Amino acid sequence: MLTADGLFRLDVVVVPDSLRLLVRNFTDAELVFEPEGYPRPVLSQSDLSELDVWAGHHQVVFTIGEVQARVTLATLRSLGNVRVTAQAMLGRVSTS
């Protein structure tokens, strides 16, 4: 789903009522997840339920060594199919 060369790969598995995230750590550094990760509300300008389309928004934050990844996942469920897109912002962990 999402790869940061030499750092990690994020795989997403769609299960009936949620997403399962797998982070493959390609470094020797410790992988630490932030404790949250619950879905966020999605606002629509039209009534997508009439089209039997459901949008979702999920965020997860984790660190690998000194690098923090803030990942946003968007889901679109329609007619039994789920489309997932992802983007991440990477930055150095503040040690102040």
N, C-alpha and C. Protein backbone atom coordinates (compact mmCIF):
# COMPACT_ATOMS: atom_id res chain seq x y z
N MET A 1 0.82 -1.19 0.00
CA MET A 1 0.00 0.00 0.00
C MET A 1 0.86 1.25 0.00
N LEU A 2 1.87 1.32 0.92
CA LEU A 2 2.67 2.53 1.04
C LEU A 2 4.07 2.12 1.47
N THR A 3 5.09 2.66 0.77
CA THR A 3 6.47 2.28 1.06
C THR A 3 7.34 3.53 1.22
N ALA A 4 8.19 3.51 2.25
CA ALA A 4 9.25 4.51 2.42
C ALA A 4 10.56 3.72 2.30
N ASP A 5 11.24 3.84 1.17
CA ASP A 5 12.42 3.02 0.87
C ASP A 5 13.40 2.98 2.03
N GLY A 6 13.78 1.77 2.40
CA GLY A 6 14.77 1.56 3.46
C GLY A 6 14.25 1.80 4.86
N LEU A 7 12.98 2.21 5.00
CA LEU A 7 12.43 2.52 6.31
C LEU A 7 11.28 1.59 6.70
N PHE A 8 10.20 1.59 5.91
CA PHE A 8 9.06 0.73 6.23
C PHE A 8 8.19 0.51 5.00
N ARG A 9 7.32 -0.49 5.13
CA ARG A 9 6.23 -0.70 4.18
C ARG A 9 4.95 -0.90 4.99
N LEU A 10 3.91 -0.20 4.61
CA LEU A 10 2.62 -0.31 5.29
C LEU A 10 1.69 -1.11 4.40
N ASP A 11 1.19 -2.22 4.93
CA ASP A 11 0.21 -3.03 4.23
C ASP A 11 -1.14 -2.84 4.91
N VAL A 12 -2.21 -2.80 4.12
CA VAL A 12 -3.55 -2.63 4.65
C VAL A 12 -4.39 -3.82 4.21
N VAL A 13 -5.07 -4.44 5.19
CA VAL A 13 -5.97 -5.55 4.92
C VAL A 13 -7.37 -5.10 5.31
N VAL A 14 -8.30 -5.18 4.37
CA VAL A 14 -9.68 -4.81 4.65
C VAL A 14 -10.38 -6.03 5.23
N VAL A 15 -10.92 -5.87 6.43
CA VAL A 15 -11.73 -6.91 7.08
C VAL A 15 -13.16 -6.37 7.15
N PRO A 16 -14.15 -7.22 7.42
CA PRO A 16 -15.54 -6.76 7.29
C PRO A 16 -15.89 -5.44 7.98
N ASP A 17 -15.38 -5.18 9.16
CA ASP A 17 -15.80 -3.97 9.86
C ASP A 17 -14.66 -3.01 10.20
N SER A 18 -13.47 -3.26 9.68
CA SER A 18 -12.35 -2.37 10.00
C SER A 18 -11.19 -2.59 9.02
N LEU A 19 -10.08 -1.92 9.30
CA LEU A 19 -8.85 -2.11 8.53
C LEU A 19 -7.79 -2.68 9.47
N ARG A 20 -7.00 -3.59 8.98
CA ARG A 20 -5.86 -4.10 9.74
C ARG A 20 -4.61 -3.57 9.08
N LEU A 21 -3.77 -2.90 9.85
CA LEU A 21 -2.54 -2.30 9.33
C LEU A 21 -1.34 -3.11 9.78
N LEU A 22 -0.45 -3.39 8.85
CA LEU A 22 0.79 -4.11 9.13
C LEU A 22 1.95 -3.23 8.70
N VAL A 23 2.82 -2.90 9.62
CA VAL A 23 4.00 -2.11 9.29
C VAL A 23 5.20 -3.04 9.28
N ARG A 24 5.86 -3.13 8.15
CA ARG A 24 7.08 -3.93 8.03
C ARG A 24 8.27 -2.98 8.19
N ASN A 25 8.94 -3.12 9.32
CA ASN A 25 10.06 -2.26 9.67
C ASN A 25 11.32 -2.79 8.99
N PHE A 26 11.94 -1.99 8.11
CA PHE A 26 13.13 -2.41 7.38
C PHE A 26 14.41 -1.97 8.08
N THR A 27 14.31 -1.45 9.31
CA THR A 27 15.48 -0.96 10.03
C THR A 27 15.70 -1.79 11.29
N ASP A 28 16.76 -1.49 11.99
CA ASP A 28 17.01 -2.12 13.30
C ASP A 28 16.41 -1.31 14.44
N ALA A 29 15.86 -0.13 14.13
CA ALA A 29 15.30 0.76 15.15
C ALA A 29 13.94 0.23 15.63
N GLU A 30 13.55 0.66 16.84
CA GLU A 30 12.29 0.24 17.42
C GLU A 30 11.10 0.92 16.72
N LEU A 31 10.03 0.16 16.52
CA LEU A 31 8.79 0.67 15.93
C LEU A 31 7.81 0.90 17.08
N VAL A 32 7.29 2.15 17.21
CA VAL A 32 6.37 2.49 18.30
C VAL A 32 5.15 3.18 17.71
N PHE A 33 3.96 2.66 18.02
CA PHE A 33 2.71 3.26 17.55
C PHE A 33 2.18 4.24 18.58
N GLU A 34 1.57 5.34 18.09
CA GLU A 34 0.81 6.23 18.97
C GLU A 34 -0.44 5.45 19.38
N PRO A 35 -0.96 5.73 20.55
CA PRO A 35 -2.06 4.90 21.06
C PRO A 35 -3.41 5.08 20.38
N GLU A 36 -3.59 6.08 19.52
CA GLU A 36 -4.90 6.32 18.97
C GLU A 36 -5.17 5.47 17.74
N GLY A 37 -5.59 6.05 16.63
CA GLY A 37 -5.81 5.31 15.39
C GLY A 37 -7.26 5.04 15.07
N TYR A 38 -8.21 5.72 15.74
CA TYR A 38 -9.62 5.49 15.46
C TYR A 38 -10.05 6.24 14.20
N PRO A 39 -11.11 5.77 13.53
CA PRO A 39 -11.58 6.45 12.33
C PRO A 39 -12.02 7.88 12.63
N ARG A 40 -11.92 8.73 11.65
CA ARG A 40 -12.34 10.12 11.75
C ARG A 40 -13.64 10.31 10.97
N PRO A 41 -14.44 11.32 11.33
CA PRO A 41 -15.67 11.57 10.56
C PRO A 41 -15.34 12.05 9.15
N VAL A 42 -16.23 11.77 8.24
CA VAL A 42 -16.09 12.20 6.85
C VAL A 42 -17.30 13.06 6.52
N LEU A 43 -17.05 14.26 6.01
CA LEU A 43 -18.13 15.17 5.62
C LEU A 43 -18.30 15.11 4.11
N SER A 44 -19.54 15.02 3.67
CA SER A 44 -19.85 14.95 2.24
C SER A 44 -20.78 16.08 1.87
N GLN A 45 -20.63 16.60 0.66
CA GLN A 45 -21.50 17.67 0.19
C GLN A 45 -22.75 17.12 -0.50
N SER A 46 -22.84 15.82 -0.61
CA SER A 46 -24.04 15.21 -1.18
C SER A 46 -24.38 13.97 -0.36
N ASP A 47 -25.53 13.42 -0.58
CA ASP A 47 -25.96 12.23 0.15
C ASP A 47 -25.44 10.99 -0.56
N LEU A 48 -24.24 10.55 -0.15
CA LEU A 48 -23.64 9.38 -0.80
C LEU A 48 -24.42 8.10 -0.52
N SER A 49 -25.21 8.08 0.57
CA SER A 49 -25.94 6.86 0.90
C SER A 49 -26.95 6.50 -0.21
N GLU A 50 -27.45 7.50 -0.94
CA GLU A 50 -28.34 7.21 -2.06
C GLU A 50 -27.64 6.39 -3.13
N LEU A 51 -26.34 6.55 -3.24
CA LEU A 51 -25.55 5.81 -4.24
C LEU A 51 -24.98 4.52 -3.67
N ASP A 52 -25.29 4.24 -2.40
CA ASP A 52 -24.72 3.09 -1.68
C ASP A 52 -23.19 3.17 -1.66
N VAL A 53 -22.68 4.39 -1.40
CA VAL A 53 -21.24 4.64 -1.31
C VAL A 53 -20.96 5.18 0.09
N TRP A 54 -19.94 4.64 0.76
CA TRP A 54 -19.60 5.07 2.11
C TRP A 54 -18.12 5.41 2.16
N ALA A 55 -17.84 6.62 2.62
CA ALA A 55 -16.45 7.08 2.71
C ALA A 55 -15.96 6.94 4.14
N GLY A 56 -14.64 6.68 4.29
CA GLY A 56 -14.02 6.58 5.60
C GLY A 56 -12.68 7.28 5.61
N HIS A 57 -12.24 7.68 6.80
CA HIS A 57 -10.99 8.40 6.97
C HIS A 57 -10.33 7.89 8.24
N HIS A 58 -9.10 7.40 8.14
CA HIS A 58 -8.38 6.82 9.27
C HIS A 58 -6.99 7.44 9.33
N GLN A 59 -6.49 7.61 10.54
CA GLN A 59 -5.14 8.13 10.72
C GLN A 59 -4.39 7.24 11.69
N VAL A 60 -3.10 7.08 11.44
CA VAL A 60 -2.23 6.34 12.34
C VAL A 60 -0.89 7.06 12.39
N VAL A 61 -0.29 7.09 13.57
CA VAL A 61 1.01 7.74 13.75
C VAL A 61 1.93 6.73 14.42
N PHE A 62 3.15 6.60 13.87
CA PHE A 62 4.14 5.72 14.49
C PHE A 62 5.53 6.30 14.27
N THR A 63 6.46 5.85 15.09
CA THR A 63 7.85 6.26 14.94
C THR A 63 8.72 5.03 14.75
N ILE A 64 9.75 5.23 13.95
CA ILE A 64 10.80 4.23 13.77
C ILE A 64 12.10 4.97 14.03
N GLY A 65 12.70 4.67 15.19
CA GLY A 65 13.91 5.40 15.56
C GLY A 65 13.60 6.87 15.73
N GLU A 66 14.25 7.72 14.94
CA GLU A 66 14.05 9.17 15.01
C GLU A 66 13.07 9.71 13.98
N VAL A 67 12.42 8.83 13.22
CA VAL A 67 11.49 9.25 12.16
C VAL A 67 10.06 8.99 12.59
N GLN A 68 9.22 10.02 12.47
CA GLN A 68 7.80 9.85 12.75
C GLN A 68 7.03 9.84 11.44
N ALA A 69 6.10 8.91 11.32
CA ALA A 69 5.22 8.81 10.15
C ALA A 69 3.79 9.12 10.57
N ARG A 70 3.17 10.08 9.89
CA ARG A 70 1.75 10.39 10.09
C ARG A 70 1.04 9.95 8.81
N VAL A 71 0.26 8.88 8.93
CA VAL A 71 -0.37 8.26 7.77
C VAL A 71 -1.87 8.54 7.78
N THR A 72 -2.39 8.96 6.64
CA THR A 72 -3.83 9.13 6.46
C THR A 72 -4.30 8.12 5.42
N LEU A 73 -5.33 7.36 5.79
CA LEU A 73 -5.93 6.38 4.89
C LEU A 73 -7.36 6.82 4.59
N ALA A 74 -7.72 6.79 3.34
CA ALA A 74 -9.09 7.09 2.93
C ALA A 74 -9.69 5.82 2.33
N THR A 75 -10.94 5.54 2.71
CA THR A 75 -11.62 4.36 2.17
C THR A 75 -12.89 4.80 1.47
N LEU A 76 -13.24 4.07 0.44
CA LEU A 76 -14.49 4.29 -0.27
C LEU A 76 -15.11 2.92 -0.52
N ARG A 77 -16.25 2.68 0.13
CA ARG A 77 -16.91 1.38 0.05
C ARG A 77 -18.14 1.52 -0.84
N SER A 78 -18.24 0.65 -1.83
CA SER A 78 -19.38 0.68 -2.74
C SER A 78 -19.63 -0.72 -3.30
N LEU A 79 -20.86 -1.15 -3.21
CA LEU A 79 -21.28 -2.44 -3.77
C LEU A 79 -20.37 -3.59 -3.34
N GLY A 80 -19.96 -3.59 -2.07
CA GLY A 80 -19.14 -4.67 -1.54
C GLY A 80 -17.65 -4.54 -1.80
N ASN A 81 -17.25 -3.54 -2.57
CA ASN A 81 -15.83 -3.31 -2.84
C ASN A 81 -15.34 -2.15 -1.98
N VAL A 82 -14.06 -2.22 -1.58
CA VAL A 82 -13.46 -1.15 -0.81
C VAL A 82 -12.20 -0.68 -1.52
N ARG A 83 -12.12 0.61 -1.75
CA ARG A 83 -10.92 1.21 -2.34
C ARG A 83 -10.20 1.97 -1.23
N VAL A 84 -8.91 1.73 -1.08
CA VAL A 84 -8.12 2.37 -0.03
C VAL A 84 -6.99 3.16 -0.69
N THR A 85 -6.84 4.42 -0.27
CA THR A 85 -5.70 5.22 -0.70
C THR A 85 -4.99 5.71 0.54
N ALA A 86 -3.68 5.96 0.42
CA ALA A 86 -2.90 6.36 1.59
C ALA A 86 -1.87 7.41 1.21
N GLN A 87 -1.56 8.24 2.19
CA GLN A 87 -0.45 9.18 2.06
C GLN A 87 0.18 9.32 3.43
N ALA A 88 1.47 9.68 3.46
CA ALA A 88 2.18 9.82 4.73
C ALA A 88 3.05 11.05 4.70
N MET A 89 3.18 11.65 5.88
CA MET A 89 4.12 12.75 6.11
C MET A 89 5.18 12.20 7.05
N LEU A 90 6.45 12.29 6.65
CA LEU A 90 7.55 11.81 7.48
C LEU A 90 8.31 13.01 8.02
N GLY A 91 8.75 12.89 9.27
CA GLY A 91 9.53 13.97 9.88
C GLY A 91 10.38 13.43 11.01
N ARG A 92 11.33 14.23 11.45
CA ARG A 92 12.19 13.87 12.58
C ARG A 92 11.42 14.06 13.89
N VAL A 93 11.65 13.14 14.82
CA VAL A 93 11.04 13.24 16.14
C VAL A 93 11.73 14.35 16.92
N SER A 94 10.95 15.22 17.53
CA SER A 94 11.50 16.29 18.35
C SER A 94 11.95 15.74 19.69
N THR A 95 13.19 16.02 20.08
CA THR A 95 13.73 15.50 21.35
C THR A 95 13.91 16.61 22.39
N SER A 96 13.19 17.73 22.23
CA SER A 96 13.37 18.84 23.15
C SER A 96 12.62 18.67 24.45
